[in-house]
N, C-alpha and C. Protein backbone atom coordinates (compact mmCIF):
# COMPACT_ATOMS: atom_id res chain seq x y z
N MET A 1 -43.76 -56.59 15.62
CA MET A 1 -43.47 -57.17 14.25
C MET A 1 -42.00 -57.26 14.19
N GLN A 2 -41.51 -58.48 13.83
CA GLN A 2 -40.05 -58.81 13.66
C GLN A 2 -39.80 -58.96 12.24
N HIS A 3 -38.67 -58.23 11.82
CA HIS A 3 -38.13 -58.45 10.50
C HIS A 3 -37.19 -59.61 10.36
N ARG A 4 -37.60 -60.41 9.28
CA ARG A 4 -36.76 -61.58 9.15
C ARG A 4 -36.21 -61.57 7.63
N PRO A 5 -34.97 -61.76 7.48
CA PRO A 5 -34.27 -61.69 6.08
C PRO A 5 -34.94 -62.74 5.32
N GLY A 6 -35.14 -62.42 4.00
CA GLY A 6 -35.65 -63.27 2.97
C GLY A 6 -34.75 -64.42 2.51
N PRO A 7 -35.07 -65.32 1.69
CA PRO A 7 -34.18 -66.35 1.24
C PRO A 7 -33.02 -65.71 0.44
N GLY A 8 -31.94 -66.23 0.57
CA GLY A 8 -30.74 -65.76 -0.14
C GLY A 8 -29.90 -64.63 0.41
N HIS A 9 -30.49 -64.06 1.54
CA HIS A 9 -29.94 -63.01 2.26
C HIS A 9 -28.54 -63.43 2.79
N VAL A 10 -27.57 -62.50 2.53
CA VAL A 10 -26.31 -62.71 3.07
C VAL A 10 -26.01 -61.62 4.01
N ALA A 11 -25.58 -61.85 5.22
CA ALA A 11 -25.22 -60.83 6.23
C ALA A 11 -24.00 -60.04 5.77
N ALA A 12 -24.14 -58.65 5.89
CA ALA A 12 -23.09 -57.87 5.58
C ALA A 12 -21.86 -57.92 6.62
N THR A 13 -20.67 -58.05 5.98
CA THR A 13 -19.58 -58.17 6.83
C THR A 13 -18.73 -56.89 6.74
N PRO A 14 -18.17 -56.39 7.81
CA PRO A 14 -17.23 -55.11 7.64
C PRO A 14 -16.26 -55.36 6.53
N ILE A 15 -15.95 -54.20 6.07
CA ILE A 15 -14.83 -54.29 5.06
C ILE A 15 -13.59 -54.10 5.73
N ALA A 16 -12.54 -55.02 5.44
CA ALA A 16 -11.22 -54.83 6.16
C ALA A 16 -10.53 -53.56 5.62
N GLN A 17 -9.91 -52.88 6.44
CA GLN A 17 -9.22 -51.78 6.31
C GLN A 17 -7.92 -52.12 5.64
N THR A 18 -7.70 -51.75 4.41
CA THR A 18 -6.50 -52.11 3.62
C THR A 18 -5.46 -50.85 3.82
N ALA A 19 -5.72 -49.73 4.06
CA ALA A 19 -4.76 -48.64 4.18
C ALA A 19 -4.57 -48.29 5.58
N PRO A 20 -3.37 -47.85 5.88
CA PRO A 20 -3.18 -47.35 7.26
C PRO A 20 -3.97 -46.13 7.57
N PRO A 21 -4.35 -46.01 8.82
CA PRO A 21 -5.21 -44.78 9.13
C PRO A 21 -4.38 -43.55 8.78
N SER A 22 -5.15 -42.41 8.55
CA SER A 22 -4.44 -41.22 8.19
C SER A 22 -3.84 -40.75 9.47
N SER A 23 -2.67 -40.05 9.28
CA SER A 23 -2.02 -39.45 10.47
C SER A 23 -1.46 -38.05 9.98
N MET A 24 -1.09 -37.24 11.08
CA MET A 24 -0.57 -36.00 10.88
C MET A 24 0.61 -35.93 11.78
N LYS A 25 1.68 -35.38 11.22
CA LYS A 25 2.99 -35.32 12.05
C LYS A 25 3.12 -33.88 12.30
N PHE A 26 3.50 -33.49 13.62
CA PHE A 26 3.63 -32.18 14.03
C PHE A 26 5.05 -32.01 14.27
N HIS A 27 5.77 -30.88 13.94
CA HIS A 27 7.14 -30.59 14.29
C HIS A 27 7.03 -29.40 15.24
N ALA A 28 8.01 -29.50 16.12
CA ALA A 28 8.25 -28.32 17.03
C ALA A 28 8.92 -27.13 16.36
N ASP A 29 8.35 -25.97 16.55
CA ASP A 29 8.86 -24.86 15.94
C ASP A 29 10.37 -24.42 16.38
N LYS A 30 11.30 -24.70 15.63
CA LYS A 30 12.58 -24.38 15.75
C LYS A 30 13.19 -23.21 15.00
N SER A 31 12.21 -22.45 14.54
CA SER A 31 12.76 -21.30 13.75
C SER A 31 13.37 -20.16 14.53
N GLU A 32 14.46 -19.76 14.02
CA GLU A 32 15.11 -18.73 14.63
C GLU A 32 14.76 -17.27 14.24
N ALA A 33 13.82 -17.36 13.20
CA ALA A 33 13.23 -16.03 12.69
C ALA A 33 12.61 -15.16 13.64
N GLN A 34 12.71 -13.87 13.62
CA GLN A 34 11.84 -13.14 14.58
C GLN A 34 10.38 -13.35 14.03
N SER A 35 9.49 -12.98 14.96
CA SER A 35 8.01 -13.11 14.73
C SER A 35 7.24 -11.82 15.10
N ILE A 36 6.22 -11.62 14.50
CA ILE A 36 5.31 -10.62 14.81
C ILE A 36 4.38 -11.03 15.97
N THR A 37 4.52 -10.43 17.11
CA THR A 37 3.92 -10.94 18.38
C THR A 37 2.64 -10.23 18.68
N GLY A 38 2.31 -9.19 17.96
CA GLY A 38 1.07 -8.39 18.23
C GLY A 38 0.86 -7.43 17.21
N TYR A 39 -0.42 -6.96 16.90
CA TYR A 39 -0.68 -5.90 16.07
C TYR A 39 -2.09 -5.23 16.52
N GLY A 40 -2.29 -4.13 16.03
CA GLY A 40 -3.57 -3.47 16.37
C GLY A 40 -3.66 -2.10 15.36
N PRO A 41 -4.54 -1.39 15.52
CA PRO A 41 -4.75 -0.15 14.63
C PRO A 41 -3.60 0.66 14.89
N GLY A 42 -2.58 0.97 13.86
CA GLY A 42 -1.50 1.79 14.01
C GLY A 42 -0.44 1.20 14.76
N TRP A 43 -0.24 0.05 15.05
CA TRP A 43 0.98 -0.45 15.62
C TRP A 43 1.11 -2.01 15.25
N VAL A 44 2.37 -2.45 15.58
CA VAL A 44 2.83 -3.92 15.32
C VAL A 44 3.76 -4.13 16.24
N ALA A 45 3.82 -5.29 16.80
CA ALA A 45 5.14 -5.72 17.79
C ALA A 45 5.84 -6.78 17.15
N VAL A 46 7.06 -6.66 17.09
CA VAL A 46 8.08 -7.64 16.50
C VAL A 46 8.89 -8.13 17.71
N ASP A 47 8.75 -9.44 17.96
CA ASP A 47 9.48 -10.05 19.13
C ASP A 47 9.15 -9.12 20.43
N ARG A 48 8.00 -8.69 20.56
CA ARG A 48 7.52 -7.88 21.75
C ARG A 48 7.89 -6.36 21.62
N GLU A 49 8.58 -6.03 20.71
CA GLU A 49 8.99 -4.56 20.66
C GLU A 49 7.88 -3.87 19.77
N LYS A 50 7.18 -2.82 20.28
CA LYS A 50 6.12 -2.08 19.58
C LYS A 50 6.66 -1.00 18.66
N PHE A 51 6.08 -1.15 17.48
CA PHE A 51 6.46 0.03 16.51
C PHE A 51 5.12 0.63 16.12
N GLU A 52 5.07 1.95 15.90
CA GLU A 52 3.99 2.73 15.55
C GLU A 52 4.26 3.39 14.17
N HIS A 53 5.07 2.81 13.41
CA HIS A 53 5.18 3.38 11.91
C HIS A 53 5.50 2.17 11.00
N SER A 54 5.26 2.49 9.71
CA SER A 54 5.44 1.41 8.76
C SER A 54 6.90 0.90 8.85
N LEU A 55 6.97 -0.35 8.74
CA LEU A 55 8.30 -1.00 8.89
C LEU A 55 8.52 -2.29 8.02
N LEU A 56 9.78 -2.71 7.67
CA LEU A 56 10.08 -3.91 6.99
C LEU A 56 10.58 -4.87 7.98
N VAL A 57 10.10 -6.16 8.00
CA VAL A 57 10.46 -7.16 8.90
C VAL A 57 10.76 -8.41 8.17
N GLY A 58 12.02 -8.91 8.45
CA GLY A 58 12.51 -10.06 7.60
C GLY A 58 12.73 -11.25 8.57
N ALA A 59 12.65 -12.40 8.03
CA ALA A 59 12.89 -13.70 8.81
C ALA A 59 14.48 -13.70 9.18
N LYS A 60 15.18 -13.10 8.50
CA LYS A 60 16.73 -13.24 8.69
C LYS A 60 17.15 -12.06 9.52
N GLY A 61 16.31 -11.27 10.20
CA GLY A 61 16.67 -10.29 11.10
C GLY A 61 16.55 -8.85 10.78
N LEU A 62 15.94 -8.68 9.49
CA LEU A 62 15.65 -7.36 9.02
C LEU A 62 14.49 -6.73 10.02
N ARG A 63 14.84 -5.57 10.48
CA ARG A 63 13.73 -4.80 11.18
C ARG A 63 14.07 -3.37 11.15
N GLN A 64 13.36 -2.68 10.29
CA GLN A 64 13.73 -1.23 10.05
C GLN A 64 12.49 -0.47 9.63
N ALA A 65 12.56 0.87 9.89
CA ALA A 65 11.49 1.79 9.41
C ALA A 65 11.33 1.64 8.02
N TRP A 66 10.09 1.92 7.46
CA TRP A 66 9.96 1.95 5.99
C TRP A 66 9.48 3.28 5.62
N ASP A 67 9.91 3.94 4.80
CA ASP A 67 9.69 5.37 4.43
C ASP A 67 8.36 5.62 3.70
N CYS A 68 7.44 4.72 3.81
CA CYS A 68 6.15 4.90 3.27
C CYS A 68 5.08 4.70 4.25
N VAL A 69 4.30 5.74 4.46
CA VAL A 69 3.27 5.91 5.54
C VAL A 69 1.93 5.33 4.97
N ARG A 70 1.43 5.57 3.79
CA ARG A 70 0.16 5.15 3.33
C ARG A 70 0.34 4.45 2.02
N PHE A 71 -0.64 3.57 1.76
CA PHE A 71 -0.53 3.01 0.35
C PHE A 71 -0.59 3.85 -0.77
N GLU A 72 -1.21 4.97 -0.65
CA GLU A 72 -1.24 6.17 -1.66
C GLU A 72 0.11 6.70 -1.83
N ASP A 73 1.05 6.61 -0.97
CA ASP A 73 2.37 7.10 -1.05
C ASP A 73 3.36 6.24 -1.68
N LEU A 74 2.97 5.00 -2.03
CA LEU A 74 3.83 4.07 -2.70
C LEU A 74 4.16 4.49 -4.09
N THR A 75 5.52 4.21 -4.48
CA THR A 75 6.07 4.76 -5.78
C THR A 75 6.71 3.47 -6.31
N PRO A 76 7.08 3.51 -7.62
CA PRO A 76 7.98 2.48 -8.24
C PRO A 76 9.17 2.19 -7.41
N GLU A 77 9.82 3.32 -6.90
CA GLU A 77 11.09 3.29 -6.22
C GLU A 77 10.95 2.38 -4.95
N HIS A 78 9.97 2.43 -4.32
CA HIS A 78 9.69 1.61 -3.16
C HIS A 78 9.85 0.05 -3.59
N PHE A 79 9.40 -0.30 -4.65
CA PHE A 79 9.34 -1.73 -5.07
C PHE A 79 10.85 -2.01 -5.67
N GLU A 80 11.33 -1.07 -6.19
CA GLU A 80 12.94 -1.25 -6.58
C GLU A 80 13.76 -1.44 -5.31
N ALA A 81 13.49 -0.72 -4.25
CA ALA A 81 14.25 -0.96 -2.97
C ALA A 81 13.83 -2.32 -2.50
N LEU A 82 12.70 -2.63 -2.54
CA LEU A 82 12.30 -4.08 -2.04
C LEU A 82 13.01 -5.11 -2.73
N SER A 83 13.22 -4.99 -4.05
CA SER A 83 13.94 -5.95 -4.87
C SER A 83 15.33 -6.18 -4.39
N GLN A 84 15.79 -5.24 -3.75
CA GLN A 84 17.22 -5.32 -3.31
C GLN A 84 17.44 -6.25 -1.97
N LEU A 85 16.43 -6.52 -1.37
CA LEU A 85 16.38 -7.19 -0.19
C LEU A 85 16.55 -8.65 -0.48
N ASP A 86 17.19 -9.36 0.53
CA ASP A 86 17.47 -10.79 0.28
C ASP A 86 16.16 -11.52 0.80
N ALA A 87 15.34 -11.86 -0.12
CA ALA A 87 14.14 -12.41 0.25
C ALA A 87 13.62 -13.25 -1.00
N GLU A 88 12.92 -14.32 -0.74
CA GLU A 88 12.23 -15.05 -1.76
C GLU A 88 10.87 -14.52 -2.03
N VAL A 89 10.15 -14.06 -1.03
CA VAL A 89 8.85 -13.50 -1.13
C VAL A 89 8.68 -12.22 -0.26
N ILE A 90 7.98 -11.29 -0.76
CA ILE A 90 7.65 -10.12 -0.13
C ILE A 90 6.18 -10.13 0.33
N ILE A 91 5.86 -9.99 1.56
CA ILE A 91 4.29 -9.88 1.84
C ILE A 91 4.06 -8.22 2.14
N LEU A 92 3.26 -7.85 1.25
CA LEU A 92 2.91 -6.37 1.36
C LEU A 92 1.63 -6.33 2.28
N GLY A 93 1.75 -5.65 3.32
CA GLY A 93 0.62 -5.22 4.21
C GLY A 93 0.18 -3.83 3.79
N SER A 94 -0.97 -3.81 3.00
CA SER A 94 -1.39 -2.67 2.33
C SER A 94 -2.19 -1.70 3.19
N GLY A 95 -2.22 -1.93 4.53
CA GLY A 95 -3.12 -1.07 5.42
C GLY A 95 -4.31 -1.84 5.81
N GLN A 96 -5.36 -1.11 6.06
CA GLN A 96 -6.58 -1.65 6.80
C GLN A 96 -7.43 -2.59 5.66
N ARG A 97 -7.16 -2.31 4.44
CA ARG A 97 -7.85 -3.21 3.47
C ARG A 97 -6.86 -3.68 2.32
N ASN A 98 -7.05 -4.68 1.73
CA ASN A 98 -6.19 -5.24 0.70
C ASN A 98 -6.20 -4.28 -0.59
N ARG A 99 -5.12 -4.01 -1.05
CA ARG A 99 -5.04 -3.13 -2.28
C ARG A 99 -3.79 -3.70 -2.98
N PHE A 100 -3.73 -3.54 -4.38
CA PHE A 100 -2.74 -4.01 -5.16
C PHE A 100 -2.08 -2.91 -5.83
N PRO A 101 -0.58 -2.97 -5.84
CA PRO A 101 0.10 -1.84 -6.60
C PRO A 101 -0.08 -2.15 -8.05
N PRO A 102 0.18 -1.15 -8.85
CA PRO A 102 0.17 -1.52 -10.30
C PRO A 102 1.23 -2.49 -10.74
N ALA A 103 0.89 -3.25 -11.80
CA ALA A 103 1.80 -4.48 -12.11
C ALA A 103 3.07 -3.87 -12.64
N ALA A 104 3.16 -2.84 -13.28
CA ALA A 104 4.30 -2.33 -13.85
C ALA A 104 5.45 -2.12 -12.71
N TRP A 105 5.03 -1.71 -11.55
CA TRP A 105 5.84 -1.38 -10.33
C TRP A 105 6.59 -2.69 -9.86
N LEU A 106 5.97 -3.70 -10.16
CA LEU A 106 6.50 -4.98 -9.74
C LEU A 106 7.71 -5.72 -10.58
N ARG A 107 7.93 -4.95 -11.68
CA ARG A 107 9.03 -5.54 -12.61
C ARG A 107 10.42 -5.71 -11.89
N PRO A 108 10.91 -4.90 -11.10
CA PRO A 108 12.15 -5.16 -10.44
C PRO A 108 12.09 -6.46 -9.65
N LEU A 109 11.04 -6.73 -8.89
CA LEU A 109 10.78 -7.95 -8.22
C LEU A 109 10.75 -9.19 -9.03
N MET A 110 9.95 -9.11 -10.24
CA MET A 110 9.98 -9.99 -11.12
C MET A 110 11.33 -10.45 -11.72
N ALA A 111 11.98 -9.44 -12.06
CA ALA A 111 13.41 -9.62 -12.70
C ALA A 111 14.37 -10.48 -11.77
N ARG A 112 14.09 -10.33 -10.47
CA ARG A 112 15.05 -11.04 -9.60
C ARG A 112 14.32 -12.32 -8.99
N ARG A 113 13.24 -12.54 -9.59
CA ARG A 113 12.38 -13.82 -9.15
C ARG A 113 11.97 -13.86 -7.73
N ILE A 114 11.53 -12.54 -7.26
CA ILE A 114 10.97 -12.43 -5.88
C ILE A 114 9.53 -12.21 -6.04
N GLY A 115 8.76 -13.04 -5.27
CA GLY A 115 7.24 -13.00 -5.23
C GLY A 115 6.87 -11.85 -4.41
N LEU A 116 5.58 -11.37 -4.83
CA LEU A 116 5.01 -10.37 -3.97
C LEU A 116 3.60 -10.90 -3.67
N GLU A 117 3.11 -10.82 -2.51
CA GLU A 117 1.69 -11.00 -2.25
C GLU A 117 1.22 -9.91 -1.42
N SER A 118 0.08 -9.37 -1.87
CA SER A 118 -0.56 -8.21 -1.12
C SER A 118 -1.77 -8.59 -0.49
N MET A 119 -1.81 -8.02 0.80
CA MET A 119 -3.03 -8.37 1.67
C MET A 119 -3.10 -7.22 2.70
N ASP A 120 -4.25 -7.15 3.41
CA ASP A 120 -4.37 -6.17 4.37
C ASP A 120 -3.27 -6.45 5.48
N THR A 121 -2.88 -5.50 6.25
CA THR A 121 -1.64 -5.57 7.14
C THR A 121 -1.84 -6.57 8.21
N GLN A 122 -3.14 -6.81 8.80
CA GLN A 122 -3.13 -7.93 9.81
C GLN A 122 -3.02 -9.26 9.18
N ALA A 123 -3.53 -9.57 7.98
CA ALA A 123 -3.21 -10.74 7.21
C ALA A 123 -1.80 -10.89 6.90
N ALA A 124 -1.17 -9.79 6.64
CA ALA A 124 0.26 -9.86 6.31
C ALA A 124 1.08 -10.33 7.42
N CYS A 125 0.68 -9.87 8.67
CA CYS A 125 1.33 -10.24 9.87
C CYS A 125 1.24 -11.73 10.11
N ARG A 126 -0.03 -12.25 9.93
CA ARG A 126 -0.29 -13.64 10.15
C ARG A 126 0.56 -14.68 9.14
N THR A 127 0.44 -14.00 7.87
CA THR A 127 1.07 -14.88 6.85
C THR A 127 2.64 -14.77 7.02
N TYR A 128 3.13 -13.57 7.26
CA TYR A 128 4.67 -13.56 7.65
C TYR A 128 5.07 -14.56 8.71
N ASN A 129 4.32 -14.73 9.86
CA ASN A 129 4.63 -15.60 10.81
C ASN A 129 4.67 -17.04 10.36
N ILE A 130 3.57 -17.36 9.50
CA ILE A 130 3.57 -18.85 9.16
C ILE A 130 4.72 -19.13 8.26
N LEU A 131 5.06 -18.21 7.28
CA LEU A 131 6.18 -18.50 6.31
C LEU A 131 7.52 -18.49 7.00
N ALA A 132 7.72 -17.63 7.94
CA ALA A 132 8.98 -17.34 8.62
C ALA A 132 9.10 -18.69 9.54
N SER A 133 7.98 -19.16 10.29
CA SER A 133 8.16 -20.33 11.08
C SER A 133 8.51 -21.60 10.24
N GLU A 134 8.23 -21.54 8.90
CA GLU A 134 8.56 -22.73 7.99
C GLU A 134 9.95 -22.61 7.50
N GLY A 135 10.69 -21.58 7.82
CA GLY A 135 12.04 -21.37 7.55
C GLY A 135 12.14 -20.71 6.11
N ARG A 136 11.07 -20.12 5.77
CA ARG A 136 11.18 -19.43 4.43
C ARG A 136 11.98 -18.02 4.52
N ASN A 137 12.46 -17.58 3.44
CA ASN A 137 13.01 -16.44 3.45
C ASN A 137 12.12 -15.30 2.99
N VAL A 138 11.40 -14.68 3.95
CA VAL A 138 10.27 -13.92 3.77
C VAL A 138 10.52 -12.48 4.38
N VAL A 139 10.04 -11.41 3.71
CA VAL A 139 10.04 -10.07 4.27
C VAL A 139 8.64 -9.54 4.26
N ALA A 140 8.19 -8.85 5.36
CA ALA A 140 6.88 -8.25 5.30
C ALA A 140 7.16 -6.72 5.47
N ALA A 141 6.39 -6.10 4.30
CA ALA A 141 6.54 -4.74 4.16
C ALA A 141 5.16 -4.14 4.63
N LEU A 142 5.19 -3.58 5.92
CA LEU A 142 3.93 -3.41 6.51
C LEU A 142 3.59 -1.93 6.62
N LEU A 143 2.41 -1.46 6.13
CA LEU A 143 1.90 -0.02 6.12
C LEU A 143 1.02 0.05 7.37
N LEU A 144 1.22 0.95 8.32
CA LEU A 144 0.49 1.06 9.54
C LEU A 144 -0.40 2.25 9.45
N GLU A 145 -1.00 2.60 8.36
CA GLU A 145 -1.84 3.86 8.21
C GLU A 145 -2.98 3.86 9.27
């Protein structure tokens, strides 16, 4: 059986594309920022140097031990010290799971218009790398409990 169009049938014609096709532009990573090159339970590597203690890592070269071992050891003074760093955003790696510090402890950061994002430490490592590669002035405060 063959189908025949009825009277008044007009064949469909393709619609002309009026907009240019979507495109995505990639840029080579030219960031001079140090990067987190590995992590695992109880350790993190910054530019292939392995650390087995909590630390602060900054896109502008900051790399130092952090005097807080566990999330439960955090105090308001830790956030006051973080507010003194040259950063537009702090990424808090809160350990093996995501936890949030009390909002009152963040006042020194808010007063200096420094953002804080809290996430588990592995997510913090990945997020730090993304922001640092974009040229953002970011610091990761990583708890390696």
